[in-house]
Amino acid sequence: MASNLESSIVKGSDFFFDFLCFICQENDRNTEADFYCTQCSKFYCGRCVDQHNYLFKKHTTLGKEKISSWPDVKVAVDIEEECQEHKGEKLTAFCEDHGELMCHVCHIYTHK
């Protein structure tokens, strides 16, 4: 039995989260964010926030106990950068085979 169920760090995970860790998402991992940095305007999981806090000691990170202070995901994504198929998801990559921009959800399910 797994003792650490705080997040899914499995590539291609079928879990959907409201807030994804920025660093994990950049590395094709689907991991739930546990912290938000007000200066960077980025979300971090428990593992990645340690790296962030080591590099940016003066930044303020808010944990889930202050989730009401986190920005709304739908508002945080600019309309020009929003995936048309997955509303609220930011376009993060380009598929050369299909010649189109895609979000991480499209990448996982449509553009393998």
N, C-alpha and C. Protein backbone atom coordinates (compact mmCIF):
# COMPACT_ATOMS: atom_id res chain seq x y z
N MET A 1 0.84 -1.18 0.00
CA MET A 1 0.00 0.00 0.00
C MET A 1 0.88 1.24 0.00
N ALA A 2 0.54 2.21 -0.83
CA ALA A 2 1.33 3.44 -0.93
C ALA A 2 1.12 4.29 0.31
N SER A 3 2.21 4.81 0.83
CA SER A 3 2.12 5.63 2.03
C SER A 3 2.03 7.11 1.71
N ASN A 4 2.38 7.50 0.50
CA ASN A 4 2.36 8.91 0.12
C ASN A 4 1.32 9.13 -0.96
N LEU A 5 0.12 9.55 -0.55
CA LEU A 5 -0.96 9.76 -1.50
C LEU A 5 -1.23 11.24 -1.75
N GLU A 6 -0.26 12.11 -1.41
CA GLU A 6 -0.52 13.54 -1.51
C GLU A 6 -0.63 14.05 -2.93
N SER A 7 -0.02 13.39 -3.91
CA SER A 7 -0.12 13.86 -5.28
C SER A 7 0.18 12.73 -6.25
N SER A 8 -0.22 12.94 -7.47
CA SER A 8 0.04 11.95 -8.51
C SER A 8 1.23 12.41 -9.34
N ILE A 9 2.33 11.69 -9.27
CA ILE A 9 3.52 12.06 -10.02
C ILE A 9 3.78 11.00 -11.09
N VAL A 10 2.73 10.47 -11.63
CA VAL A 10 2.84 9.45 -12.66
C VAL A 10 2.64 10.13 -14.01
N LYS A 11 3.57 9.92 -14.94
CA LYS A 11 3.42 10.51 -16.27
C LYS A 11 2.15 9.96 -16.90
N GLY A 12 1.38 10.85 -17.53
CA GLY A 12 0.17 10.43 -18.20
C GLY A 12 -0.95 10.06 -17.26
N SER A 13 -0.93 10.57 -16.07
CA SER A 13 -1.96 10.26 -15.09
C SER A 13 -3.33 10.68 -15.60
N ASP A 14 -4.36 9.89 -15.24
CA ASP A 14 -5.72 10.20 -15.64
C ASP A 14 -6.42 11.15 -14.68
N PHE A 15 -5.74 11.58 -13.63
CA PHE A 15 -6.33 12.49 -12.66
C PHE A 15 -6.39 13.90 -13.23
N PHE A 16 -7.45 14.63 -12.90
CA PHE A 16 -7.58 16.03 -13.29
C PHE A 16 -7.58 16.85 -12.01
N PHE A 17 -6.77 17.89 -12.00
CA PHE A 17 -6.66 18.75 -10.83
C PHE A 17 -7.02 20.18 -11.21
N ASP A 18 -7.54 20.93 -10.26
CA ASP A 18 -7.85 22.34 -10.51
C ASP A 18 -6.58 23.15 -10.67
N PHE A 19 -5.55 22.82 -9.90
CA PHE A 19 -4.29 23.54 -9.94
C PHE A 19 -3.15 22.55 -10.17
N LEU A 20 -2.37 22.74 -11.22
CA LEU A 20 -1.26 21.86 -11.54
C LEU A 20 0.06 22.52 -11.20
N CYS A 21 1.00 21.73 -10.73
CA CYS A 21 2.35 22.21 -10.44
C CYS A 21 3.00 22.66 -11.75
N PHE A 22 3.50 23.89 -11.78
CA PHE A 22 4.12 24.46 -12.96
C PHE A 22 5.34 23.67 -13.42
N ILE A 23 6.23 23.33 -12.50
CA ILE A 23 7.47 22.63 -12.85
C ILE A 23 7.16 21.22 -13.34
N CYS A 24 6.28 20.52 -12.66
CA CYS A 24 5.91 19.16 -13.09
C CYS A 24 5.24 19.19 -14.45
N GLN A 25 4.38 20.18 -14.68
CA GLN A 25 3.69 20.30 -15.96
C GLN A 25 4.70 20.53 -17.09
N GLU A 26 5.73 21.31 -16.83
CA GLU A 26 6.77 21.54 -17.83
C GLU A 26 7.56 20.27 -18.14
N ASN A 27 7.54 19.32 -17.22
CA ASN A 27 8.24 18.05 -17.39
C ASN A 27 7.28 16.89 -17.68
N ASP A 28 6.11 17.23 -18.23
CA ASP A 28 5.10 16.25 -18.64
C ASP A 28 4.61 15.36 -17.51
N ARG A 29 4.52 15.93 -16.31
CA ARG A 29 3.95 15.20 -15.18
C ARG A 29 2.68 15.91 -14.75
N ASN A 30 1.69 15.16 -14.39
CA ASN A 30 0.40 15.68 -13.96
C ASN A 30 0.35 15.61 -12.44
N THR A 31 0.74 16.70 -11.78
CA THR A 31 0.85 16.71 -10.32
C THR A 31 0.03 17.87 -9.74
N GLU A 32 -0.74 17.58 -8.73
CA GLU A 32 -1.56 18.61 -8.10
C GLU A 32 -0.70 19.61 -7.34
N ALA A 33 -1.01 20.88 -7.48
CA ALA A 33 -0.29 21.93 -6.77
C ALA A 33 -0.76 22.01 -5.32
N ASP A 34 0.20 22.22 -4.43
CA ASP A 34 -0.09 22.39 -3.01
C ASP A 34 0.20 23.81 -2.53
N PHE A 35 0.91 24.58 -3.39
CA PHE A 35 1.33 25.93 -3.01
C PHE A 35 1.18 26.87 -4.21
N TYR A 36 1.03 28.16 -3.91
CA TYR A 36 0.99 29.21 -4.93
C TYR A 36 1.95 30.31 -4.51
N CYS A 37 2.83 30.73 -5.43
CA CYS A 37 3.75 31.83 -5.15
C CYS A 37 3.15 33.12 -5.69
N THR A 38 2.98 34.09 -4.82
CA THR A 38 2.37 35.36 -5.22
C THR A 38 3.28 36.19 -6.12
N GLN A 39 4.60 36.09 -5.94
CA GLN A 39 5.52 36.85 -6.78
C GLN A 39 5.67 36.23 -8.17
N CYS A 40 5.76 34.92 -8.26
CA CYS A 40 5.93 34.22 -9.55
C CYS A 40 4.61 34.01 -10.27
N SER A 41 3.52 34.07 -9.52
CA SER A 41 2.18 33.74 -10.05
C SER A 41 2.16 32.34 -10.64
N LYS A 42 2.78 31.40 -9.91
CA LYS A 42 2.86 30.01 -10.36
C LYS A 42 2.51 29.08 -9.20
N PHE A 43 2.05 27.88 -9.58
CA PHE A 43 1.66 26.86 -8.62
C PHE A 43 2.75 25.81 -8.51
N TYR A 44 2.92 25.23 -7.31
CA TYR A 44 3.97 24.24 -7.05
C TYR A 44 3.43 23.10 -6.19
N CYS A 45 3.92 21.88 -6.45
CA CYS A 45 3.59 20.74 -5.59
C CYS A 45 4.52 20.77 -4.37
N GLY A 46 4.32 19.86 -3.46
CA GLY A 46 5.14 19.81 -2.24
C GLY A 46 6.62 19.59 -2.51
N ARG A 47 6.94 18.81 -3.54
CA ARG A 47 8.35 18.57 -3.87
C ARG A 47 9.00 19.81 -4.50
N CYS A 48 8.32 20.40 -5.47
CA CYS A 48 8.91 21.51 -6.23
C CYS A 48 8.96 22.81 -5.44
N VAL A 49 8.07 22.97 -4.47
CA VAL A 49 8.08 24.21 -3.69
C VAL A 49 9.37 24.33 -2.88
N ASP A 50 9.96 23.20 -2.49
CA ASP A 50 11.23 23.24 -1.75
C ASP A 50 12.33 23.85 -2.62
N GLN A 51 12.40 23.44 -3.89
CA GLN A 51 13.38 24.01 -4.82
C GLN A 51 13.13 25.50 -5.01
N HIS A 52 11.86 25.85 -5.21
CA HIS A 52 11.48 27.25 -5.39
C HIS A 52 11.88 28.08 -4.18
N ASN A 53 11.54 27.61 -2.99
CA ASN A 53 11.83 28.37 -1.77
C ASN A 53 13.33 28.48 -1.51
N TYR A 54 14.11 27.48 -1.94
CA TYR A 54 15.56 27.56 -1.80
C TYR A 54 16.12 28.65 -2.69
N LEU A 55 15.61 28.77 -3.91
CA LEU A 55 16.10 29.78 -4.87
C LEU A 55 15.54 31.17 -4.60
N PHE A 56 14.31 31.24 -4.11
CA PHE A 56 13.64 32.54 -3.93
C PHE A 56 13.19 32.68 -2.48
N LYS A 57 14.14 32.93 -1.62
CA LYS A 57 13.88 32.97 -0.17
C LYS A 57 12.91 34.07 0.26
N LYS A 58 12.83 35.15 -0.50
CA LYS A 58 11.97 36.27 -0.12
C LYS A 58 10.56 36.19 -0.72
N HIS A 59 10.29 35.16 -1.53
CA HIS A 59 8.96 35.00 -2.11
C HIS A 59 7.99 34.43 -1.09
N THR A 60 6.74 34.80 -1.23
CA THR A 60 5.69 34.31 -0.35
C THR A 60 4.92 33.20 -1.04
N THR A 61 4.91 32.02 -0.44
CA THR A 61 4.12 30.92 -0.99
C THR A 61 2.94 30.65 -0.06
N LEU A 62 1.79 30.45 -0.68
CA LEU A 62 0.57 30.19 0.08
C LEU A 62 0.19 28.72 -0.06
N GLY A 63 0.00 28.06 1.07
CA GLY A 63 -0.41 26.66 1.07
C GLY A 63 -1.91 26.53 0.86
N LYS A 64 -2.40 25.30 0.85
CA LYS A 64 -3.82 25.05 0.61
C LYS A 64 -4.72 25.61 1.71
N GLU A 65 -4.16 25.86 2.88
CA GLU A 65 -4.97 26.47 3.94
C GLU A 65 -5.37 27.90 3.57
N LYS A 66 -4.67 28.49 2.60
CA LYS A 66 -4.98 29.84 2.10
C LYS A 66 -5.45 29.77 0.65
N ILE A 67 -6.08 28.67 0.25
CA ILE A 67 -6.49 28.47 -1.14
C ILE A 67 -7.47 29.54 -1.62
N SER A 68 -8.19 30.14 -0.70
CA SER A 68 -9.11 31.22 -1.08
C SER A 68 -8.36 32.44 -1.60
N SER A 69 -7.06 32.55 -1.30
CA SER A 69 -6.23 33.66 -1.80
C SER A 69 -5.57 33.34 -3.13
N TRP A 70 -5.67 32.08 -3.58
CA TRP A 70 -5.11 31.69 -4.88
C TRP A 70 -5.99 32.27 -5.99
N PRO A 71 -5.40 32.56 -7.14
CA PRO A 71 -6.22 33.10 -8.24
C PRO A 71 -7.12 32.01 -8.83
N ASP A 72 -8.22 32.44 -9.41
CA ASP A 72 -9.11 31.51 -10.11
C ASP A 72 -8.41 31.06 -11.38
N VAL A 73 -8.33 29.76 -11.60
CA VAL A 73 -7.63 29.21 -12.77
C VAL A 73 -8.23 29.75 -14.06
N LYS A 74 -9.53 29.86 -14.15
CA LYS A 74 -10.17 30.34 -15.37
C LYS A 74 -9.78 31.78 -15.68
N VAL A 75 -9.60 32.60 -14.66
CA VAL A 75 -9.21 33.99 -14.85
C VAL A 75 -7.73 34.11 -15.17
N ALA A 76 -6.91 33.19 -14.64
CA ALA A 76 -5.47 33.28 -14.80
C ALA A 76 -5.00 33.01 -16.22
N VAL A 77 -5.79 32.35 -17.05
CA VAL A 77 -5.38 32.02 -18.42
C VAL A 77 -5.93 33.07 -19.38
N ASP A 78 -5.04 33.71 -20.15
CA ASP A 78 -5.47 34.67 -21.15
C ASP A 78 -6.28 33.97 -22.23
N ILE A 79 -7.28 34.65 -22.77
CA ILE A 79 -8.17 34.05 -23.76
C ILE A 79 -7.41 33.60 -25.01
N GLU A 80 -6.37 34.33 -25.42
CA GLU A 80 -5.60 33.95 -26.61
C GLU A 80 -4.77 32.70 -26.36
N GLU A 81 -4.45 32.40 -25.12
CA GLU A 81 -3.63 31.26 -24.78
C GLU A 81 -4.46 30.08 -24.29
N GLU A 82 -5.78 30.18 -24.36
CA GLU A 82 -6.65 29.15 -23.83
C GLU A 82 -6.98 28.10 -24.89
N CYS A 83 -6.94 26.84 -24.49
CA CYS A 83 -7.32 25.73 -25.37
C CYS A 83 -8.81 25.80 -25.65
N GLN A 84 -9.19 25.68 -26.91
CA GLN A 84 -10.61 25.74 -27.27
C GLN A 84 -11.37 24.49 -26.85
N GLU A 85 -10.67 23.36 -26.77
CA GLU A 85 -11.32 22.11 -26.40
C GLU A 85 -11.40 21.93 -24.89
N HIS A 86 -10.38 22.41 -24.17
CA HIS A 86 -10.33 22.27 -22.72
C HIS A 86 -10.27 23.66 -22.10
N LYS A 87 -11.41 24.24 -21.88
CA LYS A 87 -11.51 25.61 -21.37
C LYS A 87 -10.76 25.77 -20.06
N GLY A 88 -10.00 26.84 -19.96
CA GLY A 88 -9.23 27.12 -18.76
C GLY A 88 -7.82 26.56 -18.80
N GLU A 89 -7.52 25.71 -19.79
CA GLU A 89 -6.18 25.14 -19.92
C GLU A 89 -5.35 25.99 -20.88
N LYS A 90 -4.13 26.27 -20.50
CA LYS A 90 -3.24 27.10 -21.29
C LYS A 90 -2.58 26.28 -22.40
N LEU A 91 -2.45 26.89 -23.58
CA LEU A 91 -1.75 26.25 -24.69
C LEU A 91 -0.26 26.23 -24.36
N THR A 92 0.35 25.04 -24.35
CA THR A 92 1.73 24.91 -23.88
C THR A 92 2.67 24.28 -24.88
N ALA A 93 2.16 23.73 -25.98
CA ALA A 93 3.03 23.03 -26.92
C ALA A 93 2.47 23.12 -28.33
N PHE A 94 3.29 22.74 -29.30
CA PHE A 94 2.89 22.71 -30.71
C PHE A 94 3.07 21.30 -31.24
N CYS A 95 2.04 20.75 -31.85
CA CYS A 95 2.11 19.42 -32.45
C CYS A 95 2.51 19.58 -33.91
N GLU A 96 3.71 19.12 -34.25
CA GLU A 96 4.19 19.24 -35.62
C GLU A 96 3.42 18.33 -36.57
N ASP A 97 2.97 17.17 -36.09
CA ASP A 97 2.21 16.25 -36.94
C ASP A 97 0.87 16.84 -37.38
N HIS A 98 0.20 17.55 -36.46
CA HIS A 98 -1.12 18.11 -36.75
C HIS A 98 -1.08 19.61 -37.03
N GLY A 99 0.07 20.25 -36.81
CA GLY A 99 0.22 21.68 -37.08
C GLY A 99 -0.67 22.56 -36.23
N GLU A 100 -0.82 22.22 -34.94
CA GLU A 100 -1.67 23.01 -34.07
C GLU A 100 -1.11 23.12 -32.66
N LEU A 101 -1.52 24.20 -31.98
CA LEU A 101 -1.15 24.39 -30.59
C LEU A 101 -2.02 23.49 -29.74
N MET A 102 -1.48 23.08 -28.56
CA MET A 102 -2.25 22.19 -27.69
C MET A 102 -1.92 22.46 -26.22
N CYS A 103 -2.86 22.07 -25.37
CA CYS A 103 -2.64 22.15 -23.93
C CYS A 103 -2.10 20.80 -23.46
N HIS A 104 -1.78 20.68 -22.18
CA HIS A 104 -1.24 19.42 -21.68
C HIS A 104 -2.27 18.29 -21.72
N VAL A 105 -3.56 18.61 -21.60
CA VAL A 105 -4.59 17.58 -21.68
C VAL A 105 -4.68 17.02 -23.10
N CYS A 106 -4.64 17.92 -24.11
CA CYS A 106 -4.62 17.47 -25.50
C CYS A 106 -3.41 16.59 -25.76
N HIS A 107 -2.27 17.01 -25.20
CA HIS A 107 -1.02 16.26 -25.40
C HIS A 107 -1.15 14.84 -24.86
N ILE A 108 -1.75 14.69 -23.71
CA ILE A 108 -1.88 13.38 -23.08
C ILE A 108 -2.84 12.48 -23.83
N TYR A 109 -3.98 13.03 -24.27
CA TYR A 109 -5.03 12.20 -24.81
C TYR A 109 -5.10 12.15 -26.34
N THR A 110 -4.64 13.18 -27.02
CA THR A 110 -4.83 13.26 -28.47
C THR A 110 -3.54 13.21 -29.27
N HIS A 111 -2.46 13.72 -28.72
CA HIS A 111 -1.22 13.89 -29.48
C HIS A 111 -0.08 13.12 -28.84
N LYS A 112 -0.19 11.83 -28.71
CA LYS A 112 0.83 11.03 -28.03
C LYS A 112 2.09 10.90 -28.84
